[in-house]
């Protein structure tokens, strides 16, 4: 989870990204899969772990080690309570995808270019 947060939320020098990429398969419980999609259709190498009834995967470009997005699959049903007291269920097999389309280094919060 910590490597996932570093890769998905922080700017990292290419050699640091590469080192984390190499370290991921050595972490106990991490699985690796190739050709895994993210929300915008790109495909990459996924490093996943099972957490709370779901397989959570971060997907990286296999050439650049850049974060492409995430891919999450429910392994079992999960019922939750909404703020209004009603209940909902995520069914086993439900897939959630994200994609990081752009990331830039800026000089201040809110700066776009």
PDB file of N, CA and C in Angstrom:
ATOM      1  N   UNK A   1       0.822  -1.190   0.000  1.00  0.00           N
ATOM      2  CA  UNK A   1       0.000   0.000   0.000  1.00  0.00           C
ATOM      3  C   UNK A   1       0.866   1.255   0.000  1.00  0.00           C
ATOM      4  N   UNK A   2       1.983   1.210   0.710  1.00  0.00           N
ATOM      5  CA  UNK A   2       2.857   2.383   0.752  1.00  0.00           C
ATOM      6  C   UNK A   2       3.521   2.628  -0.599  1.00  0.00           C
ATOM      7  N   UNK A   3       3.955   1.557  -1.264  1.00  0.00           N
ATOM      8  CA  UNK A   3       4.548   1.719  -2.593  1.00  0.00           C
ATOM      9  C   UNK A   3       3.487   2.238  -3.554  1.00  0.00           C
ATOM     10  N   UNK A   4       2.274   1.731  -3.453  1.00  0.00           N
ATOM     11  CA  UNK A   4       1.173   2.207  -4.286  1.00  0.00           C
ATOM     12  C   UNK A   4       0.985   3.712  -4.112  1.00  0.00           C
ATOM     13  N   UNK A   5       0.974   4.174  -2.884  1.00  0.00           N
ATOM     14  CA  UNK A   5       0.795   5.598  -2.618  1.00  0.00           C
ATOM     15  C   UNK A   5       1.953   6.409  -3.180  1.00  0.00           C
ATOM     16  N   UNK A   6       3.163   5.957  -2.996  1.00  0.00           N
ATOM     17  CA  UNK A   6       4.317   6.683  -3.539  1.00  0.00           C
ATOM     18  C   UNK A   6       4.235   6.798  -5.057  1.00  0.00           C
ATOM     19  N   UNK A   7       3.969   5.681  -5.722  1.00  0.00           N
ATOM     20  CA  UNK A   7       3.956   5.675  -7.178  1.00  0.00           C
ATOM     21  C   UNK A   7       2.785   6.472  -7.736  1.00  0.00           C
ATOM     22  N   UNK A   8       1.623   6.383  -7.107  1.00  0.00           N
ATOM     23  CA  UNK A   8       0.436   7.018  -7.669  1.00  0.00           C
ATOM     24  C   UNK A   8       0.267   8.483  -7.281  1.00  0.00           C
ATOM     25  N   UNK A   9       0.921   8.940  -6.219  1.00  0.00           N
ATOM     26  CA  UNK A   9       0.648  10.291  -5.725  1.00  0.00           C
ATOM     27  C   UNK A   9       1.857  11.209  -5.622  1.00  0.00           C
ATOM     28  N   UNK A  10       3.047  10.713  -5.884  1.00  0.00           N
ATOM     29  CA  UNK A  10       4.253  11.521  -5.708  1.00  0.00           C
ATOM     30  C   UNK A  10       5.043  11.596  -7.002  1.00  0.00           C
ATOM     31  N   UNK A  11       5.734  12.694  -7.217  1.00  0.00           N
ATOM     32  CA  UNK A  11       6.696  12.731  -8.316  1.00  0.00           C
ATOM     33  C   UNK A  11       7.932  11.995  -7.837  1.00  0.00           C
ATOM     34  N   UNK A  12       8.399  11.091  -8.666  1.00  0.00           N
ATOM     35  CA  UNK A  12       9.587  10.317  -8.330  1.00  0.00           C
ATOM     36  C   UNK A  12      10.554  10.363  -9.499  1.00  0.00           C
ATOM     37  N   UNK A  13      11.820  10.486  -9.204  1.00  0.00           N
ATOM     38  CA  UNK A  13      12.836  10.437 -10.244  1.00  0.00           C
ATOM     39  C   UNK A  13      12.752   9.076 -10.937  1.00  0.00           C
ATOM     40  N   UNK A  14      13.080   9.015 -12.222  1.00  0.00           N
ATOM     41  CA  UNK A  14      12.978   7.748 -12.960  1.00  0.00           C
ATOM     42  C   UNK A  14      13.698   6.588 -12.300  1.00  0.00           C
ATOM     43  N   UNK A  15      14.868   6.835 -11.722  1.00  0.00           N
ATOM     44  CA  UNK A  15      15.588   5.732 -11.095  1.00  0.00           C
ATOM     45  C   UNK A  15      14.899   5.249  -9.826  1.00  0.00           C
ATOM     46  N   UNK A  16      14.190   6.135  -9.136  1.00  0.00           N
ATOM     47  CA  UNK A  16      13.434   5.728  -7.945  1.00  0.00           C
ATOM     48  C   UNK A  16      12.212   4.918  -8.369  1.00  0.00           C
ATOM     49  N   UNK A  17      11.489   5.380  -9.406  1.00  0.00           N
ATOM     50  CA  UNK A  17      10.359   4.611  -9.938  1.00  0.00           C
ATOM     51  C   UNK A  17      10.826   3.213 -10.347  1.00  0.00           C
ATOM     52  N   UNK A  18      11.963   3.146 -11.033  1.00  0.00           N
ATOM     53  CA  UNK A  18      12.486   1.859 -11.485  1.00  0.00           C
ATOM     54  C   UNK A  18      12.808   0.954 -10.292  1.00  0.00           C
ATOM     55  N   UNK A  19      13.383   1.507  -9.243  1.00  0.00           N
ATOM     56  CA  UNK A  19      13.716   0.711  -8.058  1.00  0.00           C
ATOM     57  C   UNK A  19      12.444   0.176  -7.393  1.00  0.00           C
ATOM     58  N   UNK A  20      11.406   0.999  -7.294  1.00  0.00           N
ATOM     59  CA  UNK A  20      10.142   0.543  -6.719  1.00  0.00           C
ATOM     60  C   UNK A  20       9.511  -0.531  -7.599  1.00  0.00           C
ATOM     61  N   UNK A  21       9.591  -0.341  -8.912  1.00  0.00           N
ATOM     62  CA  UNK A  21       9.068  -1.310  -9.869  1.00  0.00           C
ATOM     63  C   UNK A  21       9.753  -2.663  -9.667  1.00  0.00           C
ATOM     64  N   UNK A  22      11.068  -2.640  -9.481  1.00  0.00           N
ATOM     65  CA  UNK A  22      11.811  -3.880  -9.257  1.00  0.00           C
ATOM     66  C   UNK A  22      11.484  -4.491  -7.891  1.00  0.00           C
ATOM     67  N   UNK A  23      11.197  -3.658  -6.896  1.00  0.00           N
ATOM     68  CA  UNK A  23      10.916  -4.152  -5.544  1.00  0.00           C
ATOM     69  C   UNK A  23       9.530  -4.775  -5.423  1.00  0.00           C
ATOM     70  N   UNK A  24       8.560  -4.292  -6.186  1.00  0.00           N
ATOM     71  CA  UNK A  24       7.180  -4.766  -6.031  1.00  0.00           C
ATOM     72  C   UNK A  24       7.034  -6.286  -6.065  1.00  0.00           C
ATOM     73  N   UNK A  25       7.628  -6.987  -7.034  1.00  0.00           N
ATOM     74  CA  UNK A  25       7.430  -8.438  -7.066  1.00  0.00           C
ATOM     75  C   UNK A  25       8.059  -9.182  -5.894  1.00  0.00           C
ATOM     76  N   UNK A  26       8.911  -8.531  -5.129  1.00  0.00           N
ATOM     77  CA  UNK A  26       9.560  -9.199  -4.008  1.00  0.00           C
ATOM     78  C   UNK A  26       8.750  -9.080  -2.718  1.00  0.00           C
ATOM     79  N   UNK A  27       7.709  -8.259  -2.720  1.00  0.00           N
ATOM     80  CA  UNK A  27       6.893  -8.051  -1.519  1.00  0.00           C
ATOM     81  C   UNK A  27       5.932  -9.233  -1.366  1.00  0.00           C
ATOM     82  N   UNK A  28       5.920  -9.820  -0.187  1.00  0.00           N
ATOM     83  CA  UNK A  28       5.054 -10.971   0.086  1.00  0.00           C
ATOM     84  C   UNK A  28       3.591 -10.602  -0.181  1.00  0.00           C
ATOM     85  N   UNK A  29       2.897 -11.465  -0.929  1.00  0.00           N
ATOM     86  CA  UNK A  29       1.477 -11.261  -1.202  1.00  0.00           C
ATOM     87  C   UNK A  29       1.181 -10.477  -2.469  1.00  0.00           C
ATOM     88  N   UNK A  30       2.195  -9.903  -3.095  1.00  0.00           N
ATOM     89  CA  UNK A  30       1.993  -9.139  -4.330  1.00  0.00           C
ATOM     90  C   UNK A  30       1.950 -10.102  -5.510  1.00  0.00           C
ATOM     91  N   UNK A  31       0.950  -9.920  -6.366  1.00  0.00           N
ATOM     92  CA  UNK A  31       0.867 -10.697  -7.599  1.00  0.00           C
ATOM     93  C   UNK A  31       1.152  -9.768  -8.768  1.00  0.00           C
ATOM     94  N   UNK A  32       1.588 -10.346  -9.877  1.00  0.00           N
ATOM     95  CA  UNK A  32       1.877  -9.544 -11.062  1.00  0.00           C
ATOM     96  C   UNK A  32       1.091 -10.108 -12.239  1.00  0.00           C
ATOM     97  N   UNK A  33       0.545  -9.208 -13.060  1.00  0.00           N
ATOM     98  CA  UNK A  33      -0.166  -9.618 -14.268  1.00  0.00           C
ATOM     99  C   UNK A  33       0.181  -8.636 -15.377  1.00  0.00           C
ATOM    100  N   UNK A  34       0.294  -9.131 -16.580  1.00  0.00           N
ATOM    101  CA  UNK A  34       0.608  -8.284 -17.732  1.00  0.00           C
ATOM    102  C   UNK A  34      -0.652  -7.962 -18.515  1.00  0.00           C
ATOM    103  N   UNK A  35      -0.585  -6.892 -19.296  1.00  0.00           N
ATOM    104  CA  UNK A  35      -1.647  -6.498 -20.217  1.00  0.00           C
ATOM    105  C   UNK A  35      -2.962  -6.210 -19.493  1.00  0.00           C
ATOM    106  N   UNK A  36      -2.889  -5.455 -18.402  1.00  0.00           N
ATOM    107  CA  UNK A  36      -4.053  -5.124 -17.576  1.00  0.00           C
ATOM    108  C   UNK A  36      -4.521  -3.713 -17.943  1.00  0.00           C
ATOM    109  N   UNK A  37      -5.833  -3.525 -18.175  1.00  0.00           N
ATOM    110  CA  UNK A  37      -6.328  -2.217 -18.607  1.00  0.00           C
ATOM    111  C   UNK A  37      -6.534  -1.231 -17.458  1.00  0.00           C
ATOM    112  N   UNK A  38      -6.472   0.055 -17.813  1.00  0.00           N
ATOM    113  CA  UNK A  38      -6.912   1.139 -16.936  1.00  0.00           C
ATOM    114  C   UNK A  38      -8.074   1.832 -17.638  1.00  0.00           C
ATOM    115  N   UNK A  39      -8.658   2.834 -17.013  1.00  0.00           N
ATOM    116  CA  UNK A  39      -9.915   3.418 -17.482  1.00  0.00           C
ATOM    117  C   UNK A  39      -9.853   4.023 -18.885  1.00  0.00           C
ATOM    118  N   UNK A  40      -8.714   4.509 -19.330  1.00  0.00           N
ATOM    119  CA  UNK A  40      -8.649   5.131 -20.658  1.00  0.00           C
ATOM    120  C   UNK A  40      -8.233   4.151 -21.758  1.00  0.00           C
ATOM    121  N   UNK A  41      -8.133   2.863 -21.431  1.00  0.00           N
ATOM    122  CA  UNK A  41      -7.822   1.850 -22.427  1.00  0.00           C
ATOM    123  C   UNK A  41      -6.362   1.461 -22.531  1.00  0.00           C
ATOM    124  N   UNK A  42      -5.465   2.247 -21.933  1.00  0.00           N
ATOM    125  CA  UNK A  42      -4.062   1.841 -21.940  1.00  0.00           C
ATOM    126  C   UNK A  42      -3.925   0.556 -21.139  1.00  0.00           C
ATOM    127  N   UNK A  43      -2.859  -0.170 -21.408  1.00  0.00           N
ATOM    128  CA  UNK A  43      -2.623  -1.428 -20.729  1.00  0.00           C
ATOM    129  C   UNK A  43      -1.204  -1.449 -20.190  1.00  0.00           C
ATOM    130  N   UNK A  44      -1.020  -2.131 -19.066  1.00  0.00           N
ATOM    131  CA  UNK A  44       0.302  -2.173 -18.467  1.00  0.00           C
ATOM    132  C   UNK A  44       0.476  -3.372 -17.572  1.00  0.00           C
ATOM    133  N   UNK A  45       1.528  -3.327 -16.789  1.00  0.00           N
ATOM    134  CA  UNK A  45       1.837  -4.377 -15.820  1.00  0.00           C
ATOM    135  C   UNK A  45       1.157  -4.002 -14.504  1.00  0.00           C
ATOM    136  N   UNK A  46       0.392  -4.947 -13.960  1.00  0.00           N
ATOM    137  CA  UNK A  46      -0.336  -4.693 -12.713  1.00  0.00           C
ATOM    138  C   UNK A  46       0.326  -5.435 -11.562  1.00  0.00           C
ATOM    139  N   UNK A  47       0.466  -4.731 -10.469  1.00  0.00           N
ATOM    140  CA  UNK A  47       0.944  -5.316  -9.227  1.00  0.00           C
ATOM    141  C   UNK A  47      -0.210  -5.236  -8.247  1.00  0.00           C
ATOM    142  N   UNK A  48      -0.705  -6.394  -7.820  1.00  0.00           N
ATOM    143  CA  UNK A  48      -1.910  -6.411  -7.018  1.00  0.00           C
ATOM    144  C   UNK A  48      -1.731  -7.064  -5.669  1.00  0.00           C
ATOM    145  N   UNK A  49      -2.664  -6.743  -4.786  1.00  0.00           N
ATOM    146  CA  UNK A  49      -2.728  -7.366  -3.469  1.00  0.00           C
ATOM    147  C   UNK A  49      -4.192  -7.465  -3.088  1.00  0.00           C
ATOM    148  N   UNK A  50      -4.523  -8.487  -2.328  1.00  0.00           N
ATOM    149  CA  UNK A  50      -5.891  -8.676  -1.874  1.00  0.00           C
ATOM    150  C   UNK A  50      -6.080  -7.928  -0.573  1.00  0.00           C
ATOM    151  N   UNK A  51      -7.171  -7.136  -0.531  1.00  0.00           N
ATOM    152  CA  UNK A  51      -7.442  -6.304   0.631  1.00  0.00           C
ATOM    153  C   UNK A  51      -8.946  -6.159   0.784  1.00  0.00           C
ATOM    154  N   UNK A  52      -9.493  -6.568   1.910  1.00  0.00           N
ATOM    155  CA  UNK A  52     -10.898  -6.383   2.239  1.00  0.00           C
ATOM    156  C   UNK A  52     -11.822  -6.945   1.153  1.00  0.00           C
ATOM    157  N   UNK A  53     -11.501  -8.138   0.657  1.00  0.00           N
ATOM    158  CA  UNK A  53     -12.369  -8.790  -0.312  1.00  0.00           C
ATOM    159  C   UNK A  53     -12.239  -8.290  -1.733  1.00  0.00           C
ATOM    160  N   UNK A  54     -11.175  -7.552  -2.025  1.00  0.00           N
ATOM    161  CA  UNK A  54     -10.958  -7.053  -3.393  1.00  0.00           C
ATOM    162  C   UNK A  54      -9.484  -7.185  -3.751  1.00  0.00           C
ATOM    163  N   UNK A  55      -9.228  -7.382  -5.041  1.00  0.00           N
ATOM    164  CA  UNK A  55      -7.849  -7.350  -5.534  1.00  0.00           C
ATOM    165  C   UNK A  55      -7.598  -5.935  -6.038  1.00  0.00           C
ATOM    166  N   UNK A  56      -6.709  -5.218  -5.351  1.00  0.00           N
ATOM    167  CA  UNK A  56      -6.353  -3.845  -5.694  1.00  0.00           C
ATOM    168  C   UNK A  56      -5.054  -3.882  -6.480  1.00  0.00           C
ATOM    169  N   UNK A  57      -5.048  -3.297  -7.670  1.00  0.00           N
ATOM    170  CA  UNK A  57      -3.831  -3.321  -8.488  1.00  0.00           C
ATOM    171  C   UNK A  57      -3.457  -1.932  -8.948  1.00  0.00           C
ATOM    172  N   UNK A  58      -2.174  -1.629  -8.864  1.00  0.00           N
ATOM    173  CA  UNK A  58      -1.679  -0.428  -9.490  1.00  0.00           C
ATOM    174  C   UNK A  58      -1.064  -0.870 -10.805  1.00  0.00           C
ATOM    175  N   UNK A  59      -1.312  -0.098 -11.843  1.00  0.00           N
ATOM    176  CA  UNK A  59      -0.898  -0.486 -13.185  1.00  0.00           C
ATOM    177  C   UNK A  59       0.161   0.499 -13.670  1.00  0.00           C
ATOM    178  N   UNK A  60       1.303  -0.058 -14.103  1.00  0.00           N
ATOM    179  CA  UNK A  60       2.435   0.754 -14.533  1.00  0.00           C
ATOM    180  C   UNK A  60       2.772   0.471 -15.993  1.00  0.00           C
ATOM    181  N   UNK A  61       3.296   1.487 -16.656  1.00  0.00           N
ATOM    182  CA  UNK A  61       3.819   1.302 -18.001  1.00  0.00           C
ATOM    183  C   UNK A  61       5.082   0.439 -17.872  1.00  0.00           C
ATOM    184  N   UNK A  62       5.169  -0.671 -18.599  1.00  0.00           N
ATOM    185  CA  UNK A  62       6.318  -1.563 -18.421  1.00  0.00           C
ATOM    186  C   UNK A  62       7.629  -1.000 -18.953  1.00  0.00           C
ATOM    187  N   UNK A  63       7.586   0.031 -19.774  1.00  0.00           N
ATOM    188  CA  UNK A  63       8.809   0.619 -20.325  1.00  0.00           C
ATOM    189  C   UNK A  63       9.318   1.796 -19.499  1.00  0.00           C
ATOM    190  N   UNK A  64       8.401   2.660 -19.040  1.00  0.00           N
ATOM    191  CA  UNK A  64       8.804   3.901 -18.364  1.00  0.00           C
ATOM    192  C   UNK A  64       8.615   3.855 -16.854  1.00  0.00           C
ATOM    193  N   UNK A  65       7.890   2.842 -16.353  1.00  0.00           N
ATOM    194  CA  UNK A  65       7.549   2.701 -14.929  1.00  0.00           C
ATOM    195  C   UNK A  65       6.569   3.770 -14.472  1.00  0.00           C
ATOM    196  N   UNK A  66       6.013   4.540 -15.382  1.00  0.00           N
ATOM    197  CA  UNK A  66       5.043   5.570 -14.991  1.00  0.00           C
ATOM    198  C   UNK A  66       3.722   4.936 -14.585  1.00  0.00           C
ATOM    199  N   UNK A  67       3.079   5.576 -13.621  1.00  0.00           N
ATOM    200  CA  UNK A  67       1.783   5.125 -13.128  1.00  0.00           C
ATOM    201  C   UNK A  67       0.728   5.400 -14.188  1.00  0.00           C
ATOM    202  N   UNK A  68      -0.012   4.378 -14.596  1.00  0.00           N
ATOM    203  CA  UNK A  68      -1.086   4.539 -15.569  1.00  0.00           C
ATOM    204  C   UNK A  68      -2.444   4.693 -14.896  1.00  0.00           C
ATOM    205  N   UNK A  69      -2.651   3.977 -13.795  1.00  0.00           N
ATOM    206  CA  UNK A  69      -3.941   4.024 -13.106  1.00  0.00           C
ATOM    207  C   UNK A  69      -4.099   2.805 -12.225  1.00  0.00           C
ATOM    208  N   UNK A  70      -5.353   2.510 -11.899  1.00  0.00           N
ATOM    209  CA  UNK A  70      -5.626   1.373 -11.017  1.00  0.00           C
ATOM    210  C   UNK A  70      -6.697   0.479 -11.617  1.00  0.00           C
ATOM    211  N   UNK A  71      -6.717  -0.739 -11.115  1.00  0.00           N
ATOM    212  CA  UNK A  71      -7.689  -1.735 -11.535  1.00  0.00           C
ATOM    213  C   UNK A  71      -8.046  -2.508 -10.277  1.00  0.00           C
ATOM    214  N   UNK A  72      -9.317  -2.512  -9.920  1.00  0.00           N
ATOM    215  CA  UNK A  72      -9.753  -3.176  -8.699  1.00  0.00           C
ATOM    216  C   UNK A  72     -10.908  -4.113  -9.029  1.00  0.00           C
ATOM    217  N   UNK A  73     -10.847  -5.337  -8.524  1.00  0.00           N
ATOM    218  CA  UNK A  73     -11.900  -6.317  -8.762  1.00  0.00           C
ATOM    219  C   UNK A  73     -12.382  -6.870  -7.430  1.00  0.00           C
ATOM    220  N   UNK A  74     -13.692  -6.816  -7.198  1.00  0.00           N
ATOM    221  CA  UNK A  74     -14.267  -7.396  -5.985  1.00  0.00           C
ATOM    222  C   UNK A  74     -14.159  -8.911  -6.072  1.00  0.00           C
ATOM    223  N   UNK A  75     -13.628  -9.538  -5.040  1.00  0.00           N
ATOM    224  CA  UNK A  75     -13.495 -10.987  -4.985  1.00  0.00           C
ATOM    225  C   UNK A  75     -14.678 -11.639  -4.283  1.00  0.00           C
ATOM    226  N   UNK A  76     -15.376 -10.840  -3.490  1.00  0.00           N
ATOM    227  CA  UNK A  76     -16.564 -11.317  -2.783  1.00  0.00           C
ATOM    228  C   UNK A  76     -17.519 -10.145  -2.617  1.00  0.00           C
ATOM    229  N   UNK A  77     -18.780 -10.443  -2.418  1.00  0.00           N
ATOM    230  CA  UNK A  77     -19.768  -9.382  -2.206  1.00  0.00           C
ATOM    231  C   UNK A  77     -19.397  -8.569  -0.975  1.00  0.00           C
ATOM    232  N   UNK A  78     -19.695  -7.284  -1.018  1.00  0.00           N
ATOM    233  CA  UNK A  78     -19.474  -6.414   0.150  1.00  0.00           C
ATOM    234  C   UNK A  78     -20.671  -5.488   0.281  1.00  0.00           C
ATOM    235  N   UNK A  79     -21.375  -5.595   1.401  1.00  0.00           N
ATOM    236  CA  UNK A  79     -22.523  -4.745   1.678  1.00  0.00           C
ATOM    237  C   UNK A  79     -22.066  -3.601   2.567  1.00  0.00           C
ATOM    238  N   UNK A  80     -22.542  -2.411   2.250  1.00  0.00           N
ATOM    239  CA  UNK A  80     -22.155  -1.222   3.005  1.00  0.00           C
ATOM    240  C   UNK A  80     -23.395  -0.401   3.296  1.00  0.00           C
ATOM    241  N   UNK A  81     -23.266   0.472   4.279  1.00  0.00           N
ATOM    242  CA  UNK A  81     -24.369   1.350   4.647  1.00  0.00           C
ATOM    243  C   UNK A  81     -24.085   2.755   4.137  1.00  0.00           C
ATOM    244  N   UNK A  82     -25.075   3.344   3.456  1.00  0.00           N
ATOM    245  CA  UNK A  82     -24.970   4.711   2.953  1.00  0.00           C
ATOM    246  C   UNK A  82     -25.264   5.708   4.078  1.00  0.00           C
ATOM    247  N   UNK A  83     -24.959   6.958   3.826  1.00  0.00           N
ATOM    248  CA  UNK A  83     -25.165   8.011   4.834  1.00  0.00           C
ATOM    249  C   UNK A  83     -26.631   8.118   5.246  1.00  0.00           C
ATOM    250  N   UNK A  84     -27.551   7.810   4.328  1.00  0.00           N
ATOM    251  CA  UNK A  84     -28.978   7.912   4.649  1.00  0.00           C
ATOM    252  C   UNK A  84     -29.520   6.678   5.366  1.00  0.00           C
ATOM    253  N   UNK A  85     -28.655   5.709   5.674  1.00  0.00           N
ATOM    254  CA  UNK A  85     -29.062   4.502   6.388  1.00  0.00           C
ATOM    255  C   UNK A  85     -29.434   3.344   5.479  1.00  0.00           C
ATOM    256  N   UNK A  86     -29.602   3.595   4.190  1.00  0.00           N
ATOM    257  CA  UNK A  86     -29.907   2.502   3.267  1.00  0.00           C
ATOM    258  C   UNK A  86     -28.642   1.683   3.031  1.00  0.00           C
ATOM    259  N   UNK A  87     -28.827   0.513   2.450  1.00  0.00           N
ATOM    260  CA  UNK A  87     -27.697  -0.384   2.237  1.00  0.00           C
ATOM    261  C   UNK A  87     -27.501  -0.626   0.746  1.00  0.00           C
ATOM    262  N   UNK A  88     -26.269  -0.857   0.375  1.00  0.00           N
ATOM    263  CA  UNK A  88     -25.925  -1.203  -1.004  1.00  0.00           C
ATOM    264  C   UNK A  88     -24.918  -2.328  -0.991  1.00  0.00           C
ATOM    265  N   UNK A  89     -24.787  -2.996  -2.118  1.00  0.00           N
ATOM    266  CA  UNK A  89     -23.848  -4.114  -2.198  1.00  0.00           C
ATOM    267  C   UNK A  89     -23.015  -4.009  -3.464  1.00  0.00           C
ATOM    268  N   UNK A  90     -21.707  -4.143  -3.295  1.00  0.00           N
ATOM    269  CA  UNK A  90     -20.806  -4.331  -4.428  1.00  0.00           C
ATOM    270  C   UNK A  90     -20.733  -5.834  -4.635  1.00  0.00           C
ATOM    271  N   UNK A  91     -21.100  -6.301  -5.798  1.00  0.00           N
ATOM    272  CA  UNK A  91     -21.108  -7.724  -6.090  1.00  0.00           C
ATOM    273  C   UNK A  91     -19.721  -8.222  -6.479  1.00  0.00           C
ATOM    274  N   UNK A  92     -19.424  -9.466  -6.132  1.00  0.00           N
ATOM    275  CA  UNK A  92     -18.175 -10.096  -6.560  1.00  0.00           C
ATOM    276  C   UNK A  92     -18.076  -9.998  -8.079  1.00  0.00           C
ATOM    277  N   UNK A  93     -16.894  -9.671  -8.576  1.00  0.00           N
ATOM    278  CA  UNK A  93     -16.686  -9.506 -10.010  1.00  0.00           C
ATOM    279  C   UNK A  93     -16.786  -8.070 -10.490  1.00  0.00           C
ATOM    280  N   UNK A  94     -17.280  -7.164  -9.633  1.00  0.00           N
ATOM    281  CA  UNK A  94     -17.357  -5.752 -10.008  1.00  0.00           C
ATOM    282  C   UNK A  94     -15.951  -5.211 -10.200  1.00  0.00           C
ATOM    283  N   UNK A  95     -15.730  -4.522 -11.314  1.00  0.00           N
ATOM    284  CA  UNK A  95     -14.415  -3.978 -11.637  1.00  0.00           C
ATOM    285  C   UNK A  95     -14.483  -2.455 -11.602  1.00  0.00           C
ATOM    286  N   UNK A  96     -13.508  -1.836 -10.975  1.00  0.00           N
ATOM    287  CA  UNK A  96     -13.377  -0.378 -10.946  1.00  0.00           C
ATOM    288  C   UNK A  96     -12.026  -0.014 -11.536  1.00  0.00           C
ATOM    289  N   UNK A  97     -12.012   0.957 -12.457  1.00  0.00           N
ATOM    290  CA  UNK A  97     -10.783   1.378 -13.113  1.00  0.00           C
ATOM    291  C   UNK A  97     -10.583   2.877 -12.944  1.00  0.00           C
ATOM    292  N   UNK A  98      -9.340   3.300 -12.841  1.00  0.00           N
ATOM    293  CA  UNK A  98      -8.991   4.718 -12.898  1.00  0.00           C
ATOM    294  C   UNK A  98      -7.871   4.875 -13.918  1.00  0.00           C
ATOM    295  N   UNK A  99      -7.615   6.108 -14.312  1.00  0.00           N
ATOM    296  CA  UNK A  99      -6.475   6.394 -15.195  1.00  0.00           C
ATOM    297  C   UNK A  99      -5.916   7.756 -14.828  1.00  0.00           C
ATOM    298  N   UNK A 100      -4.614   7.851 -14.763  1.00  0.00           N
ATOM    299  CA  UNK A 100      -3.959   9.136 -14.578  1.00  0.00           C
ATOM    300  C   UNK A 100      -3.589   9.629 -15.970  1.00  0.00           C
ATOM    301  N   UNK A 101      -4.252  10.698 -16.396  1.00  0.00           N
ATOM    302  CA  UNK A 101      -4.060  11.202 -17.745  1.00  0.00           C
ATOM    303  C   UNK A 101      -2.882  12.142 -17.871  1.00  0.00           C
ATOM    304  N   UNK A 102      -2.619  12.879 -16.800  1.00  0.00           N
ATOM    305  CA  UNK A 102      -1.537  13.856 -16.865  1.00  0.00           C
ATOM    306  C   UNK A 102      -1.042  14.148 -15.461  1.00  0.00           C
ATOM    307  N   UNK A 103       0.226  14.409 -15.339  1.00  0.00           N
ATOM    308  CA  UNK A 103       0.816  14.826 -14.074  1.00  0.00           C
ATOM    309  C   UNK A 103       1.925  15.812 -14.408  1.00  0.00           C
ATOM    310  N   UNK A 104       1.963  16.922 -13.675  1.00  0.00           N
ATOM    311  CA  UNK A 104       2.983  17.942 -13.899  1.00  0.00           C
ATOM    312  C   UNK A 104       3.522  18.445 -12.575  1.00  0.00           C
ATOM    313  N   UNK A 105       4.719  18.958 -12.630  1.00  0.00           N
ATOM    314  CA  UNK A 105       5.294  19.637 -11.475  1.00  0.00           C
ATOM    315  C   UNK A 105       4.999  21.125 -11.665  1.00  0.00           C
ATOM    316  N   UNK A 106       4.445  21.743 -10.633  1.00  0.00           N
ATOM    317  CA  UNK A 106       4.085  23.160 -10.675  1.00  0.00           C
ATOM    318  C   UNK A 106       4.714  23.882  -9.496  1.00  0.00           C
ATOM    319  N   UNK A 107       4.670  25.209  -9.528  1.00  0.00           N
ATOM    320  CA  UNK A 107       5.289  26.011  -8.483  1.00  0.00           C
ATOM    321  C   UNK A 107       4.406  26.277  -7.285  1.00  0.00           C
ATOM    322  N   UNK A 108       3.074  26.099  -7.460  1.00  0.00           N
ATOM    323  CA  UNK A 108       2.175  26.387  -6.353  1.00  0.00           C
ATOM    324  C   UNK A 108       0.862  25.617  -6.524  1.00  0.00           C
ATOM    325  N   UNK A 109       0.134  25.396  -5.444  1.00  0.00           N
ATOM    326  CA  UNK A 109      -1.145  24.688  -5.530  1.00  0.00           C
ATOM    327  C   UNK A 109      -2.104  25.396  -6.491  1.00  0.00           C
ATOM    328  N   UNK A 110      -2.814  24.631  -7.276  1.00  0.00           N
ATOM    329  CA  UNK A 110      -3.800  25.188  -8.205  1.00  0.00           C
ATOM    330  C   UNK A 110      -3.238  25.607  -9.551  1.00  0.00           C
ATOM    331  N   UNK A 111      -1.931  25.680  -9.669  1.00  0.00           N
ATOM    332  CA  UNK A 111      -1.325  26.069 -10.937  1.00  0.00           C
ATOM    333  C   UNK A 111      -1.544  24.963 -11.959  1.00  0.00           C
ATOM    334  N   UNK A 112      -1.951  25.349 -13.185  1.00  0.00           N
ATOM    335  CA  UNK A 112      -2.283  24.353 -14.204  1.00  0.00           C
ATOM    336  C   UNK A 112      -1.224  24.222 -15.283  1.00  0.00           C
ATOM    337  N   UNK A 113      -0.373  25.200 -15.464  1.00  0.00           N
ATOM    338  CA  UNK A 113       0.650  25.072 -16.525  1.00  0.00           C
ATOM    339  C   UNK A 113       1.909  25.821 -16.138  1.00  0.00           C
TER     340      UNK A 113
END
